[in-house]
């Protein structure tokens, strides 16, 4: 029963059907609401994890882009203009990732 409730592969109604039919547990409105909240919670957690991973990947790509431009001899102003960020941020990334170059 716990496996059904915690399954990320089953939809809310499928979980309720398993609990009611396989385990012969009557499903009250309160229980139905609790399952709905639990399902929404897991979806929210998954969405936040995806957002964090996407943000981290974007930041890493941006840093790599900035460093590549810097290594090719572009000025900080040019890099900031193309990257759509400020010169201060470009400098901070370069100092953090390539301290000997800054």
Protein backbone atom coordinates (compact mmCIF):
# COMPACT_ATOMS: atom_id res chain seq x y z
CA UNK A 1 0.00 0.00 0.00
CA UNK A 2 2.84 2.41 0.84
CA UNK A 3 4.39 1.61 -2.53
CA UNK A 4 1.19 2.64 -4.30
CA UNK A 5 0.91 5.86 -2.32
CA UNK A 6 4.52 6.86 -2.91
CA UNK A 7 4.71 5.76 -6.53
CA UNK A 8 5.67 8.54 -8.91
CA UNK A 9 4.34 6.50 -11.80
CA UNK A 10 0.72 6.26 -10.64
CA UNK A 11 -1.81 9.05 -10.92
CA UNK A 12 -3.90 10.13 -7.96
CA UNK A 13 -7.00 8.17 -8.99
CA UNK A 14 -4.95 5.04 -9.70
CA UNK A 15 -3.51 5.20 -6.18
CA UNK A 16 -6.98 5.56 -4.69
CA UNK A 17 -8.31 2.66 -6.78
CA UNK A 18 -5.49 0.36 -5.62
CA UNK A 19 -6.02 1.24 -1.97
CA UNK A 20 -9.76 0.79 -2.23
CA UNK A 21 -9.89 -2.38 -4.36
CA UNK A 22 -6.70 -4.27 -3.53
CA UNK A 23 -6.62 -3.45 0.18
CA UNK A 24 -10.37 -3.06 0.75
CA UNK A 25 -9.93 0.26 2.49
CA UNK A 26 -12.89 2.62 2.16
CA UNK A 27 -11.87 5.97 0.73
CA UNK A 28 -13.29 8.94 2.61
CA UNK A 29 -13.33 12.46 1.22
CA UNK A 30 -10.70 13.43 3.79
CA UNK A 31 -8.41 10.60 2.68
CA UNK A 32 -8.99 11.55 -0.96
CA UNK A 33 -7.96 15.13 -0.14
CA UNK A 34 -4.85 13.95 1.70
CA UNK A 35 -3.77 11.88 -1.31
CA UNK A 36 -4.38 14.85 -3.61
CA UNK A 37 -2.20 17.07 -1.40
CA UNK A 38 0.52 14.42 -1.29
CA UNK A 39 0.48 14.07 -5.09
CA UNK A 40 0.68 17.84 -5.56
CA UNK A 41 3.53 18.03 -3.06
CA UNK A 42 5.62 15.50 -4.96
CA UNK A 43 4.93 17.35 -8.21
CA UNK A 44 6.05 20.60 -6.60
CA UNK A 45 9.25 19.00 -5.33
CA UNK A 46 9.98 17.61 -8.78
CA UNK A 47 9.34 20.99 -10.43
CA UNK A 48 11.66 22.78 -8.00
CA UNK A 49 14.40 20.21 -8.57
CA UNK A 50 14.05 20.64 -12.33
CA UNK A 51 14.19 24.43 -11.99
CA UNK A 52 17.35 24.23 -9.87
CA UNK A 53 19.03 21.85 -12.31
CA UNK A 54 18.11 24.05 -15.26
CA UNK A 55 19.37 27.18 -13.50
CA UNK A 56 22.66 25.47 -12.59
CA UNK A 57 23.17 24.22 -16.16
CA UNK A 58 22.41 27.68 -17.56
CA UNK A 59 24.85 29.34 -15.17
CA UNK A 60 27.56 26.83 -16.05
CA UNK A 61 27.00 27.37 -19.78
CA UNK A 62 27.06 31.13 -19.31
CA UNK A 63 30.30 30.96 -17.34
CA UNK A 64 31.90 28.77 -20.00
CA UNK A 65 30.74 31.17 -22.71
CA UNK A 66 32.18 34.17 -20.85
CA UNK A 67 35.49 32.40 -20.22
CA UNK A 68 35.80 31.35 -23.86
CA UNK A 69 35.26 34.92 -25.02
CA UNK A 70 37.79 36.16 -22.49
CA UNK A 71 40.39 33.62 -23.65
CA UNK A 72 39.84 34.71 -27.26
CA UNK A 73 40.70 38.28 -26.32
CA UNK A 74 37.34 40.00 -26.20
CA UNK A 75 37.16 42.99 -23.88
CA UNK A 76 35.08 42.84 -20.72
CA UNK A 77 32.66 45.36 -22.23
CA UNK A 78 32.22 43.22 -25.35
CA UNK A 79 31.68 40.08 -23.29
CA UNK A 80 29.15 41.80 -21.04
CA UNK A 81 27.30 43.18 -24.05
CA UNK A 82 27.05 39.81 -25.81
CA UNK A 83 26.28 37.88 -22.59
CA UNK A 84 23.62 40.39 -21.59
CA UNK A 85 25.15 41.00 -18.18
CA UNK A 86 27.22 43.62 -16.42
CA UNK A 87 30.97 44.07 -16.58
CA UNK A 88 31.14 43.46 -12.82
CA UNK A 89 29.55 40.04 -13.23
CA UNK A 90 31.89 39.18 -16.10
CA UNK A 91 34.88 40.18 -13.97
CA UNK A 92 33.61 38.14 -11.03
CA UNK A 93 33.19 35.03 -13.18
CA UNK A 94 36.65 35.41 -14.68
CA UNK A 95 38.28 35.94 -11.28
CA UNK A 96 36.41 32.98 -9.80
CA UNK A 97 37.12 30.55 -12.62
CA UNK A 98 40.42 31.82 -13.97
CA UNK A 99 42.13 33.75 -11.14
CA UNK A 100 45.51 33.75 -12.88
CA UNK A 101 43.98 35.33 -15.98
CA UNK A 102 42.22 38.24 -14.32
